[in-house]
Amino acid sequence: MIGPGTGVSVFLACGVTDMRKGIGGLAALAQQVLKQKPASGAVFCFRGRRGDRIKLLYWDGQGFCLYYKVLERGRFPWPSTPRGSVGLTSGQLAMLWEGIDWRRPAWSSPPARIV
C-alpha cells in the first residue's frame, strides 16, 4: 500500500460508519466525532456495518487520500467500544489493513540462525 509510512498517528473510529461517505463526510466525522483535525497528517480509519470494508482517510500535505478495501472473506477486527476512538501504531494499522487481528497478534519465535 502506498501510504503515510511509519510514525504517524492513527485513529480508529469505533462503532459503525456509513460507507457511502466520501472524503468530505469522513473529514467531518474526524473533526466532529473524533475531535481531531482532518488535515493534521494522521490516518483516520472507518469500518462499515458488515465489517468487511474499511476506509482510511489521510492528508498527505497536498490533499486528502482515501483508501478503501473490501475483504472477500472474513471481517476486519474492530474494538467493541461503540463510541469514540482508539489509537493505533503504524504497525497495528498495517496488520489491520491485511485483515490480521491487531489486538491479539500471534507472535512466533524469532527466526533461527543457520550457522
PDB file of N, CA and C in Angstrom:
ATOM      1  N   MET A   1       0.850  -1.184   0.000  1.00  0.00           N
ATOM      2  CA  MET A   1       0.000   0.000   0.000  1.00  0.00           C
ATOM      3  C   MET A   1       0.884   1.232   0.000  1.00  0.00           C
ATOM      4  N   ILE A   2       0.629   2.155  -0.864  1.00  0.00           N
ATOM      5  CA  ILE A   2       1.289   3.450  -0.839  1.00  0.00           C
ATOM      6  C   ILE A   2       0.582   4.249   0.236  1.00  0.00           C
ATOM      7  N   GLY A   3       1.310   4.656   1.244  1.00  0.00           N
ATOM      8  CA  GLY A   3       0.615   5.286   2.359  1.00  0.00           C
ATOM      9  C   GLY A   3       1.487   6.215   3.158  1.00  0.00           C
ATOM     10  N   PRO A   4       1.048   6.495   4.362  1.00  0.00           N
ATOM     11  CA  PRO A   4       1.680   7.502   5.190  1.00  0.00           C
ATOM     12  C   PRO A   4       3.030   7.103   5.762  1.00  0.00           C
ATOM     13  N   GLY A   5       3.374   5.846   5.800  1.00  0.00           N
ATOM     14  CA  GLY A   5       4.644   5.424   6.349  1.00  0.00           C
ATOM     15  C   GLY A   5       4.570   5.209   7.845  1.00  0.00           C
ATOM     16  N   THR A   6       5.732   5.189   8.487  1.00  0.00           N
ATOM     17  CA  THR A   6       5.790   4.906   9.917  1.00  0.00           C
ATOM     18  C   THR A   6       5.758   6.188  10.736  1.00  0.00           C
ATOM     19  N   GLY A   7       5.380   6.041  11.980  1.00  0.00           N
ATOM     20  CA  GLY A   7       5.416   7.163  12.901  1.00  0.00           C
ATOM     21  C   GLY A   7       4.255   8.129  12.819  1.00  0.00           C
ATOM     22  N   VAL A   8       3.215   7.802  12.081  1.00  0.00           N
ATOM     23  CA  VAL A   8       2.051   8.681  12.001  1.00  0.00           C
ATOM     24  C   VAL A   8       1.052   8.307  13.092  1.00  0.00           C
ATOM     25  N   SER A   9       0.230   9.260  13.476  1.00  0.00           N
ATOM     26  CA  SER A   9      -0.855   8.983  14.414  1.00  0.00           C
ATOM     27  C   SER A   9      -1.988   8.312  13.659  1.00  0.00           C
ATOM     28  N   VAL A  10      -2.567   7.300  14.273  1.00  0.00           N
ATOM     29  CA  VAL A  10      -3.657   6.556  13.644  1.00  0.00           C
ATOM     30  C   VAL A  10      -4.835   6.547  14.614  1.00  0.00           C
ATOM     31  N   PHE A  11      -5.999   6.960  14.131  1.00  0.00           N
ATOM     32  CA  PHE A  11      -7.210   6.978  14.942  1.00  0.00           C
ATOM     33  C   PHE A  11      -8.251   6.079  14.295  1.00  0.00           C
ATOM     34  N   LEU A  12      -8.719   5.122  15.049  1.00  0.00           N
ATOM     35  CA  LEU A  12      -9.724   4.185  14.577  1.00  0.00           C
ATOM     36  C   LEU A  12     -11.069   4.623  15.153  1.00  0.00           C
ATOM     37  N   ALA A  13     -12.017   4.938  14.289  1.00  0.00           N
ATOM     38  CA  ALA A  13     -13.344   5.384  14.724  1.00  0.00           C
ATOM     39  C   ALA A  13     -14.161   4.174  15.155  1.00  0.00           C
ATOM     40  N   CYS A  14     -14.428   4.065  16.443  1.00  0.00           N
ATOM     41  CA  CYS A  14     -15.200   2.934  16.961  1.00  0.00           C
ATOM     42  C   CYS A  14     -16.648   3.048  16.496  1.00  0.00           C
ATOM     43  N   GLY A  15     -17.316   1.941  16.469  1.00  0.00           N
ATOM     44  CA  GLY A  15     -18.695   1.947  16.009  1.00  0.00           C
ATOM     45  C   GLY A  15     -18.766   1.736  14.510  1.00  0.00           C
ATOM     46  N   VAL A  16     -19.903   2.067  13.939  1.00  0.00           N
ATOM     47  CA  VAL A  16     -20.181   1.829  12.522  1.00  0.00           C
ATOM     48  C   VAL A  16     -20.222   3.151  11.776  1.00  0.00           C
ATOM     49  N   THR A  17     -19.657   3.156  10.574  1.00  0.00           N
ATOM     50  CA  THR A  17     -19.667   4.341   9.715  1.00  0.00           C
ATOM     51  C   THR A  17     -20.407   4.019   8.425  1.00  0.00           C
ATOM     52  N   ASP A  18     -21.172   4.974   7.933  1.00  0.00           N
ATOM     53  CA  ASP A  18     -21.855   4.832   6.652  1.00  0.00           C
ATOM     54  C   ASP A  18     -20.795   4.860   5.551  1.00  0.00           C
ATOM     55  N   MET A  19     -20.621   3.748   4.852  1.00  0.00           N
ATOM     56  CA  MET A  19     -19.576   3.642   3.840  1.00  0.00           C
ATOM     57  C   MET A  19     -19.898   4.412   2.558  1.00  0.00           C
ATOM     58  N   ARG A  20     -21.065   5.055   2.503  1.00  0.00           N
ATOM     59  CA  ARG A  20     -21.373   5.907   1.350  1.00  0.00           C
ATOM     60  C   ARG A  20     -20.683   7.255   1.462  1.00  0.00           C
ATOM     61  N   LYS A  21     -20.155   7.568   2.638  1.00  0.00           N
ATOM     62  CA  LYS A  21     -19.487   8.857   2.837  1.00  0.00           C
ATOM     63  C   LYS A  21     -18.191   8.909   2.039  1.00  0.00           C
ATOM     64  N   GLY A  22     -17.931  10.080   1.508  1.00  0.00           N
ATOM     65  CA  GLY A  22     -16.699  10.311   0.780  1.00  0.00           C
ATOM     66  C   GLY A  22     -15.715  11.078   1.637  1.00  0.00           C
ATOM     67  N   ILE A  23     -14.769  11.725   0.993  1.00  0.00           N
ATOM     68  CA  ILE A  23     -13.718  12.452   1.698  1.00  0.00           C
ATOM     69  C   ILE A  23     -14.305  13.541   2.591  1.00  0.00           C
ATOM     70  N   GLY A  24     -15.225  14.324   2.077  1.00  0.00           N
ATOM     71  CA  GLY A  24     -15.809  15.410   2.859  1.00  0.00           C
ATOM     72  C   GLY A  24     -16.550  14.919   4.088  1.00  0.00           C
ATOM     73  N   GLY A  25     -17.355  13.877   3.931  1.00  0.00           N
ATOM     74  CA  GLY A  25     -18.116  13.325   5.045  1.00  0.00           C
ATOM     75  C   GLY A  25     -17.229  12.688   6.101  1.00  0.00           C
ATOM     76  N   LEU A  26     -16.183  11.976   5.668  1.00  0.00           N
ATOM     77  CA  LEU A  26     -15.271  11.352   6.620  1.00  0.00           C
ATOM     78  C   LEU A  26     -14.411  12.391   7.336  1.00  0.00           C
ATOM     79  N   ALA A  27     -14.027  13.450   6.623  1.00  0.00           N
ATOM     80  CA  ALA A  27     -13.268  14.536   7.268  1.00  0.00           C
ATOM     81  C   ALA A  27     -14.125  15.217   8.329  1.00  0.00           C
ATOM     82  N   ALA A  28     -15.418  15.376   8.052  1.00  0.00           N
ATOM     83  CA  ALA A  28     -16.328  15.966   9.037  1.00  0.00           C
ATOM     84  C   ALA A  28     -16.456  15.059  10.257  1.00  0.00           C
ATOM     85  N   LEU A  29     -16.516  13.742  10.058  1.00  0.00           N
ATOM     86  CA  LEU A  29     -16.563  12.809  11.187  1.00  0.00           C
ATOM     87  C   LEU A  29     -15.288  12.895  12.022  1.00  0.00           C
ATOM     88  N   ALA A  30     -14.154  12.990  11.350  1.00  0.00           N
ATOM     89  CA  ALA A  30     -12.885  13.097  12.076  1.00  0.00           C
ATOM     90  C   ALA A  30     -12.865  14.344  12.954  1.00  0.00           C
ATOM     91  N   GLN A  31     -13.418  15.425  12.446  1.00  0.00           N
ATOM     92  CA  GLN A  31     -13.411  16.683  13.191  1.00  0.00           C
ATOM     93  C   GLN A  31     -14.479  16.705  14.281  1.00  0.00           C
ATOM     94  N   GLN A  32     -15.693  16.299  13.979  1.00  0.00           N
ATOM     95  CA  GLN A  32     -16.802  16.428  14.923  1.00  0.00           C
ATOM     96  C   GLN A  32     -16.873  15.290  15.932  1.00  0.00           C
ATOM     97  N   VAL A  33     -16.702  14.055  15.471  1.00  0.00           N
ATOM     98  CA  VAL A  33     -16.854  12.902  16.354  1.00  0.00           C
ATOM     99  C   VAL A  33     -15.545  12.549  17.052  1.00  0.00           C
ATOM    100  N   LEU A  34     -14.453  12.501  16.283  1.00  0.00           N
ATOM    101  CA  LEU A  34     -13.167  12.116  16.852  1.00  0.00           C
ATOM    102  C   LEU A  34     -12.415  13.284  17.473  1.00  0.00           C
ATOM    103  N   LYS A  35     -12.889  14.505  17.236  1.00  0.00           N
ATOM    104  CA  LYS A  35     -12.282  15.727  17.799  1.00  0.00           C
ATOM    105  C   LYS A  35     -10.823  15.892  17.381  1.00  0.00           C
ATOM    106  N   GLN A  36     -10.551  15.608  16.105  1.00  0.00           N
ATOM    107  CA  GLN A  36      -9.206  15.737  15.548  1.00  0.00           C
ATOM    108  C   GLN A  36      -9.260  16.601  14.299  1.00  0.00           C
ATOM    109  N   LYS A  37      -8.129  17.223  13.966  1.00  0.00           N
ATOM    110  CA  LYS A  37      -8.043  17.990  12.729  1.00  0.00           C
ATOM    111  C   LYS A  37      -7.816  17.011  11.572  1.00  0.00           C
ATOM    112  N   PRO A  38      -8.705  17.013  10.594  1.00  0.00           N
ATOM    113  CA  PRO A  38      -8.554  16.066   9.476  1.00  0.00           C
ATOM    114  C   PRO A  38      -7.264  16.263   8.682  1.00  0.00           C
ATOM    115  N   ALA A  39      -6.779  17.493   8.603  1.00  0.00           N
ATOM    116  CA  ALA A  39      -5.567  17.777   7.833  1.00  0.00           C
ATOM    117  C   ALA A  39      -4.322  17.785   8.711  1.00  0.00           C
ATOM    118  N   SER A  40      -4.325  17.034   9.800  1.00  0.00           N
ATOM    119  CA  SER A  40      -3.195  17.009  10.725  1.00  0.00           C
ATOM    120  C   SER A  40      -2.090  16.058  10.285  1.00  0.00           C
ATOM    121  N   GLY A  41      -2.351  15.225   9.288  1.00  0.00           N
ATOM    122  CA  GLY A  41      -1.374  14.227   8.865  1.00  0.00           C
ATOM    123  C   GLY A  41      -1.616  12.876   9.512  1.00  0.00           C
ATOM    124  N   ALA A  42      -2.645  12.777  10.336  1.00  0.00           N
ATOM    125  CA  ALA A  42      -2.999  11.499  10.964  1.00  0.00           C
ATOM    126  C   ALA A  42      -3.831  10.669   9.994  1.00  0.00           C
ATOM    127  N   VAL A  43      -3.893   9.382  10.261  1.00  0.00           N
ATOM    128  CA  VAL A  43      -4.717   8.467   9.481  1.00  0.00           C
ATOM    129  C   VAL A  43      -5.984   8.186  10.287  1.00  0.00           C
ATOM    130  N   PHE A  44      -7.132   8.281   9.633  1.00  0.00           N
ATOM    131  CA  PHE A  44      -8.418   8.020  10.273  1.00  0.00           C
ATOM    132  C   PHE A  44      -9.029   6.786   9.619  1.00  0.00           C
ATOM    133  N   CYS A  45      -9.398   5.794  10.445  1.00  0.00           N
ATOM    134  CA  CYS A  45      -9.922   4.516   9.956  1.00  0.00           C
ATOM    135  C   CYS A  45     -11.402   4.407  10.285  1.00  0.00           C
ATOM    136  N   PHE A  46     -12.179   3.973   9.308  1.00  0.00           N
ATOM    137  CA  PHE A  46     -13.624   3.827   9.468  1.00  0.00           C
ATOM    138  C   PHE A  46     -14.042   2.457   8.925  1.00  0.00           C
ATOM    139  N   ARG A  47     -14.985   1.787   9.620  1.00  0.00           N
ATOM    140  CA  ARG A  47     -15.456   0.469   9.185  1.00  0.00           C
ATOM    141  C   ARG A  47     -16.961   0.492   8.974  1.00  0.00           C
ATOM    142  N   GLY A  48     -17.415  -0.247   7.979  1.00  0.00           N
ATOM    143  CA  GLY A  48     -18.841  -0.340   7.671  1.00  0.00           C
ATOM    144  C   GLY A  48     -19.576  -1.300   8.585  1.00  0.00           C
ATOM    145  N   ARG A  49     -20.878  -1.361   8.423  1.00  0.00           N
ATOM    146  CA  ARG A  49     -21.746  -2.178   9.285  1.00  0.00           C
ATOM    147  C   ARG A  49     -21.434  -3.668   9.194  1.00  0.00           C
ATOM    148  N   ARG A  50     -21.213  -4.180   7.995  1.00  0.00           N
ATOM    149  CA  ARG A  50     -20.966  -5.619   7.832  1.00  0.00           C
ATOM    150  C   ARG A  50     -19.574  -6.031   8.308  1.00  0.00           C
ATOM    151  N   GLY A  51     -18.672  -5.062   8.424  1.00  0.00           N
ATOM    152  CA  GLY A  51     -17.330  -5.353   8.911  1.00  0.00           C
ATOM    153  C   GLY A  51     -16.362  -5.844   7.860  1.00  0.00           C
ATOM    154  N   ASP A  52     -16.803  -5.936   6.611  1.00  0.00           N
ATOM    155  CA  ASP A  52     -15.925  -6.452   5.568  1.00  0.00           C
ATOM    156  C   ASP A  52     -15.257  -5.352   4.749  1.00  0.00           C
ATOM    157  N   ARG A  53     -15.491  -4.097   5.121  1.00  0.00           N
ATOM    158  CA  ARG A  53     -14.869  -2.992   4.370  1.00  0.00           C
ATOM    159  C   ARG A  53     -14.432  -1.874   5.313  1.00  0.00           C
ATOM    160  N   ILE A  54     -13.300  -1.272   4.958  1.00  0.00           N
ATOM    161  CA  ILE A  54     -12.806  -0.131   5.718  1.00  0.00           C
ATOM    162  C   ILE A  54     -12.376   0.967   4.754  1.00  0.00           C
ATOM    163  N   LYS A  55     -12.375   2.182   5.282  1.00  0.00           N
ATOM    164  CA  LYS A  55     -11.854   3.340   4.567  1.00  0.00           C
ATOM    165  C   LYS A  55     -10.840   4.022   5.467  1.00  0.00           C
ATOM    166  N   LEU A  56      -9.726   4.423   4.879  1.00  0.00           N
ATOM    167  CA  LEU A  56      -8.695   5.180   5.580  1.00  0.00           C
ATOM    168  C   LEU A  56      -8.606   6.553   4.943  1.00  0.00           C
ATOM    169  N   LEU A  57      -8.623   7.581   5.760  1.00  0.00           N
ATOM    170  CA  LEU A  57      -8.516   8.956   5.285  1.00  0.00           C
ATOM    171  C   LEU A  57      -7.201   9.520   5.787  1.00  0.00           C
ATOM    172  N   TYR A  58      -6.436  10.137   4.889  1.00  0.00           N
ATOM    173  CA  TYR A  58      -5.099  10.636   5.220  1.00  0.00           C
ATOM    174  C   TYR A  58      -4.816  11.911   4.441  1.00  0.00           C
ATOM    175  N   TRP A  59      -4.294  12.918   5.122  1.00  0.00           N
ATOM    176  CA  TRP A  59      -3.863  14.169   4.487  1.00  0.00           C
ATOM    177  C   TRP A  59      -2.367  14.063   4.234  1.00  0.00           C
ATOM    178  N   ASP A  60      -1.940  14.142   2.977  1.00  0.00           N
ATOM    179  CA  ASP A  60      -0.519  13.971   2.662  1.00  0.00           C
ATOM    180  C   ASP A  60       0.243  15.287   2.520  1.00  0.00           C
ATOM    181  N   GLY A  61      -0.405  16.400   2.837  1.00  0.00           N
ATOM    182  CA  GLY A  61       0.242  17.704   2.726  1.00  0.00           C
ATOM    183  C   GLY A  61      -0.235  18.493   1.521  1.00  0.00           C
ATOM    184  N   GLN A  62      -0.745  17.793   0.512  1.00  0.00           N
ATOM    185  CA  GLN A  62      -1.265  18.449  -0.687  1.00  0.00           C
ATOM    186  C   GLN A  62      -2.760  18.242  -0.849  1.00  0.00           C
ATOM    187  N   GLY A  63      -3.269  17.173  -0.269  1.00  0.00           N
ATOM    188  CA  GLY A  63      -4.688  16.854  -0.392  1.00  0.00           C
ATOM    189  C   GLY A  63      -4.999  15.579   0.362  1.00  0.00           C
ATOM    190  N   PHE A  64      -6.261  15.217   0.370  1.00  0.00           N
ATOM    191  CA  PHE A  64      -6.688  14.013   1.070  1.00  0.00           C
ATOM    192  C   PHE A  64      -6.515  12.789   0.188  1.00  0.00           C
ATOM    193  N   CYS A  65      -6.082  11.694   0.811  1.00  0.00           N
ATOM    194  CA  CYS A  65      -6.030  10.382   0.169  1.00  0.00           C
ATOM    195  C   CYS A  65      -7.081   9.520   0.844  1.00  0.00           C
ATOM    196  N   LEU A  66      -7.832   8.783   0.055  1.00  0.00           N
ATOM    197  CA  LEU A  66      -8.851   7.899   0.587  1.00  0.00           C
ATOM    198  C   LEU A  66      -8.551   6.484   0.112  1.00  0.00           C
ATOM    199  N   TYR A  67      -8.285   5.601   1.070  1.00  0.00           N
ATOM    200  CA  TYR A  67      -8.021   4.204   0.776  1.00  0.00           C
ATOM    201  C   TYR A  67      -9.257   3.410   1.154  1.00  0.00           C
ATOM    202  N   TYR A  68      -9.629   2.459   0.319  1.00  0.00           N
ATOM    203  CA  TYR A  68     -10.854   1.684   0.530  1.00  0.00           C
ATOM    204  C   TYR A  68     -10.536   0.224   0.256  1.00  0.00           C
ATOM    205  N   LYS A  69     -10.894  -0.646   1.189  1.00  0.00           N
ATOM    206  CA  LYS A  69     -10.629  -2.068   0.993  1.00  0.00           C
ATOM    207  C   LYS A  69     -11.845  -2.877   1.397  1.00  0.00           C
ATOM    208  N   VAL A  70     -12.177  -3.873   0.569  1.00  0.00           N
ATOM    209  CA  VAL A  70     -13.271  -4.800   0.835  1.00  0.00           C
ATOM    210  C   VAL A  70     -12.679  -6.203   0.879  1.00  0.00           C
ATOM    211  N   LEU A  71     -12.915  -6.916   1.983  1.00  0.00           N
ATOM    212  CA  LEU A  71     -12.433  -8.288   2.102  1.00  0.00           C
ATOM    213  C   LEU A  71     -13.381  -9.239   1.378  1.00  0.00           C
ATOM    214  N   GLU A  72     -12.829 -10.222   0.685  1.00  0.00           N
ATOM    215  CA  GLU A  72     -13.657 -11.241   0.053  1.00  0.00           C
ATOM    216  C   GLU A  72     -14.236 -12.186   1.088  1.00  0.00           C
ATOM    217  N   ARG A  73     -13.439 -12.524   2.110  1.00  0.00           N
ATOM    218  CA  ARG A  73     -13.888 -13.392   3.200  1.00  0.00           C
ATOM    219  C   ARG A  73     -13.454 -12.773   4.520  1.00  0.00           C
ATOM    220  N   GLY A  74     -14.271 -12.961   5.535  1.00  0.00           N
ATOM    221  CA  GLY A  74     -13.916 -12.504   6.864  1.00  0.00           C
ATOM    222  C   GLY A  74     -14.330 -11.068   7.125  1.00  0.00           C
ATOM    223  N   ARG A  75     -13.906 -10.588   8.294  1.00  0.00           N
ATOM    224  CA  ARG A  75     -14.238  -9.230   8.727  1.00  0.00           C
ATOM    225  C   ARG A  75     -12.984  -8.586   9.303  1.00  0.00           C
ATOM    226  N   PHE A  76     -12.945  -7.286   9.229  1.00  0.00           N
ATOM    227  CA  PHE A  76     -11.853  -6.550   9.840  1.00  0.00           C
ATOM    228  C   PHE A  76     -12.040  -6.544  11.355  1.00  0.00           C
ATOM    229  N   PRO A  77     -10.976  -6.814  12.122  1.00  0.00           N
ATOM    230  CA  PRO A  77     -11.100  -6.775  13.584  1.00  0.00           C
ATOM    231  C   PRO A  77     -11.344  -5.344  14.053  1.00  0.00           C
ATOM    232  N   TRP A  78     -12.262  -5.195  14.980  1.00  0.00           N
ATOM    233  CA  TRP A  78     -12.663  -3.858  15.435  1.00  0.00           C
ATOM    234  C   TRP A  78     -12.956  -3.910  16.925  1.00  0.00           C
ATOM    235  N   PRO A  79     -12.634  -2.866  17.666  1.00  0.00           N
ATOM    236  CA  PRO A  79     -12.940  -2.872  19.104  1.00  0.00           C
ATOM    237  C   PRO A  79     -14.449  -2.855  19.350  1.00  0.00           C
ATOM    238  N   SER A  80     -14.849  -3.406  20.491  1.00  0.00           N
ATOM    239  CA  SER A  80     -16.275  -3.491  20.789  1.00  0.00           C
ATOM    240  C   SER A  80     -16.840  -2.194  21.365  1.00  0.00           C
ATOM    241  N   THR A  81     -16.002  -1.227  21.646  1.00  0.00           N
ATOM    242  CA  THR A  81     -16.462   0.060  22.150  1.00  0.00           C
ATOM    243  C   THR A  81     -17.318   0.739  21.086  1.00  0.00           C
ATOM    244  N   PRO A  82     -18.572   1.082  21.375  1.00  0.00           N
ATOM    245  CA  PRO A  82     -19.453   1.630  20.349  1.00  0.00           C
ATOM    246  C   PRO A  82     -19.180   3.092  19.989  1.00  0.00           C
ATOM    247  N   ARG A  83     -18.548   3.860  20.861  1.00  0.00           N
ATOM    248  CA  ARG A  83     -18.336   5.285  20.595  1.00  0.00           C
ATOM    249  C   ARG A  83     -16.888   5.659  20.858  1.00  0.00           C
ATOM    250  N   GLY A  84     -16.475   6.767  20.258  1.00  0.00           N
ATOM    251  CA  GLY A  84     -15.134   7.271  20.494  1.00  0.00           C
ATOM    252  C   GLY A  84     -14.129   6.754  19.493  1.00  0.00           C
ATOM    253  N   SER A  85     -12.866   6.780  19.907  1.00  0.00           N
ATOM    254  CA  SER A  85     -11.800   6.346  19.014  1.00  0.00           C
ATOM    255  C   SER A  85     -10.748   5.580  19.793  1.00  0.00           C
ATOM    256  N   VAL A  86      -9.939   4.851  19.051  1.00  0.00           N
ATOM    257  CA  VAL A  86      -8.828   4.090  19.599  1.00  0.00           C
ATOM    258  C   VAL A  86      -7.599   4.481  18.809  1.00  0.00           C
ATOM    259  N   GLY A  87      -6.494   4.690  19.486  1.00  0.00           N
ATOM    260  CA  GLY A  87      -5.236   4.999  18.802  1.00  0.00           C
ATOM    261  C   GLY A  87      -4.497   3.724  18.453  1.00  0.00           C
ATOM    262  N   LEU A  88      -3.931   3.692  17.263  1.00  0.00           N
ATOM    263  CA  LEU A  88      -3.141   2.550  16.810  1.00  0.00           C
ATOM    264  C   LEU A  88      -1.739   3.010  16.440  1.00  0.00           C
ATOM    265  N   THR A  89      -0.811   2.075  16.425  1.00  0.00           N
ATOM    266  CA  THR A  89       0.516   2.346  15.892  1.00  0.00           C
ATOM    267  C   THR A  89       0.493   2.084  14.390  1.00  0.00           C
ATOM    268  N   SER A  90       1.530   2.515  13.701  1.00  0.00           N
ATOM    269  CA  SER A  90       1.568   2.257  12.261  1.00  0.00           C
ATOM    270  C   SER A  90       1.689   0.759  11.980  1.00  0.00           C
ATOM    271  N   GLY A  91       2.326   0.004  12.882  1.00  0.00           N
ATOM    272  CA  GLY A  91       2.398  -1.454  12.740  1.00  0.00           C
ATOM    273  C   GLY A  91       1.034  -2.101  12.885  1.00  0.00           C
ATOM    274  N   GLN A  92       0.253  -1.635  13.849  1.00  0.00           N
ATOM    275  CA  GLN A  92      -1.106  -2.155  14.026  1.00  0.00           C
ATOM    276  C   GLN A  92      -1.975  -1.804  12.830  1.00  0.00           C
ATOM    277  N   LEU A  93      -1.772  -0.604  12.261  1.00  0.00           N
ATOM    278  CA  LEU A  93      -2.515  -0.216  11.057  1.00  0.00           C
ATOM    279  C   LEU A  93      -2.191  -1.161   9.909  1.00  0.00           C
ATOM    280  N   ALA A  94      -0.925  -1.529   9.759  1.00  0.00           N
ATOM    281  CA  ALA A  94      -0.535  -2.455   8.694  1.00  0.00           C
ATOM    282  C   ALA A  94      -1.210  -3.812   8.886  1.00  0.00           C
ATOM    283  N   MET A  95      -1.280  -4.276  10.141  1.00  0.00           N
ATOM    284  CA  MET A  95      -1.961  -5.542  10.409  1.00  0.00           C
ATOM    285  C   MET A  95      -3.455  -5.430  10.106  1.00  0.00           C
ATOM    286  N   LEU A  96      -4.065  -4.320  10.514  1.00  0.00           N
ATOM    287  CA  LEU A  96      -5.490  -4.111  10.244  1.00  0.00           C
ATOM    288  C   LEU A  96      -5.759  -4.147   8.749  1.00  0.00           C
ATOM    289  N   TRP A  97      -4.951  -3.452   7.969  1.00  0.00           N
ATOM    290  CA  TRP A  97      -5.134  -3.386   6.521  1.00  0.00           C
ATOM    291  C   TRP A  97      -5.061  -4.777   5.891  1.00  0.00           C
ATOM    292  N   GLU A  98      -4.250  -5.663   6.472  1.00  0.00           N
ATOM    293  CA  GLU A  98      -4.118  -7.026   5.954  1.00  0.00           C
ATOM    294  C   GLU A  98      -5.174  -7.974   6.515  1.00  0.00           C
ATOM    295  N   GLY A  99      -6.040  -7.477   7.410  1.00  0.00           N
ATOM    296  CA  GLY A  99      -7.085  -8.312   7.983  1.00  0.00           C
ATOM    297  C   GLY A  99      -6.621  -9.123   9.177  1.00  0.00           C
ATOM    298  N   ILE A 100      -5.430  -8.827   9.704  1.00  0.00           N
ATOM    299  CA  ILE A 100      -4.890  -9.536  10.865  1.00  0.00           C
ATOM    300  C   ILE A 100      -5.440  -8.882  12.124  1.00  0.00           C
ATOM    301  N   ASP A 101      -5.784  -9.678  13.113  1.00  0.00           N
ATOM    302  CA  ASP A 101      -6.301  -9.131  14.363  1.00  0.00           C
ATOM    303  C   ASP A 101      -5.168  -8.447  15.116  1.00  0.00           C
ATOM    304  N   TRP A 102      -5.130  -7.139  15.032  1.00  0.00           N
ATOM    305  CA  TRP A 102      -4.067  -6.338  15.646  1.00  0.00           C
ATOM    306  C   TRP A 102      -4.163  -6.325  17.161  1.00  0.00           C
ATOM    307  N   ARG A 103      -5.296  -6.747  17.723  1.00  0.00           N
ATOM    308  CA  ARG A 103      -5.470  -6.761  19.179  1.00  0.00           C
ATOM    309  C   ARG A 103      -4.780  -7.951  19.820  1.00  0.00           C
ATOM    310  N   ARG A 104      -4.692  -9.075  19.101  1.00  0.00           N
ATOM    311  CA  ARG A 104      -4.072 -10.285  19.623  1.00  0.00           C
ATOM    312  C   ARG A 104      -3.217 -10.943  18.546  1.00  0.00           C
ATOM    313  N   PRO A 105      -2.133 -10.309  18.131  1.00  0.00           N
ATOM    314  CA  PRO A 105      -1.310 -10.941  17.098  1.00  0.00           C
ATOM    315  C   PRO A 105      -0.635 -12.192  17.651  1.00  0.00           C
ATOM    316  N   ALA A 106      -0.511 -13.191  16.829  1.00  0.00           N
ATOM    317  CA  ALA A 106       0.146 -14.429  17.225  1.00  0.00           C
ATOM    318  C   ALA A 106       1.634 -14.279  16.908  1.00  0.00           C
ATOM    319  N   TRP A 107       2.394 -13.915  17.919  1.00  0.00           N
ATOM    320  CA  TRP A 107       3.830 -13.732  17.726  1.00  0.00           C
ATOM    321  C   TRP A 107       4.506 -15.097  17.700  1.00  0.00           C
ATOM    322  N   SER A 108       5.362 -15.291  16.757  1.00  0.00           N
ATOM    323  CA  SER A 108       6.106 -16.541  16.682  1.00  0.00           C
ATOM    324  C   SER A 108       7.486 -16.320  17.291  1.00  0.00           C
ATOM    325  N   SER A 109       8.196 -17.387  17.458  1.00  0.00           N
ATOM    326  CA  SER A 109       9.557 -17.257  17.975  1.00  0.00           C
ATOM    327  C   SER A 109      10.435 -16.616  16.899  1.00  0.00           C
ATOM    328  N   PRO A 110      11.534 -15.984  17.328  1.00  0.00           N
ATOM    329  CA  PRO A 110      12.393 -15.352  16.332  1.00  0.00           C
ATOM    330  C   PRO A 110      12.993 -16.398  15.394  1.00  0.00           C
ATOM    331  N   PRO A 111      13.356 -15.998  14.187  1.00  0.00           N
ATOM    332  CA  PRO A 111      13.919 -16.958  13.236  1.00  0.00           C
ATOM    333  C   PRO A 111      15.230 -17.532  13.754  1.00  0.00           C
ATOM    334  N   ALA A 112      15.447 -18.812  13.485  1.00  0.00           N
ATOM    335  CA  ALA A 112      16.683 -19.466  13.915  1.00  0.00           C
ATOM    336  C   ALA A 112      17.814 -19.098  12.962  1.00  0.00           C
ATOM    337  N   ARG A 113      18.974 -18.890  13.523  1.00  0.00           N
ATOM    338  CA  ARG A 113      20.156 -18.587  12.701  1.00  0.00           C
ATOM    339  C   ARG A 113      20.814 -19.879  12.257  1.00  0.00           C
ATOM    340  N   ILE A 114      21.112 -19.947  11.014  1.00  0.00           N
ATOM    341  CA  ILE A 114      21.816 -21.111  10.482  1.00  0.00           C
ATOM    342  C   ILE A 114      23.286 -20.769  10.445  1.00  0.00           C
ATOM    343  N   VAL A 115      24.053 -21.582  11.109  1.00  0.00           N
ATOM    344  CA  VAL A 115      25.485 -21.286  11.222  1.00  0.00           C
ATOM    345  C   VAL A 115      26.272 -22.233  10.363  1.00  0.00           C
TER     346      VAL A 115
END
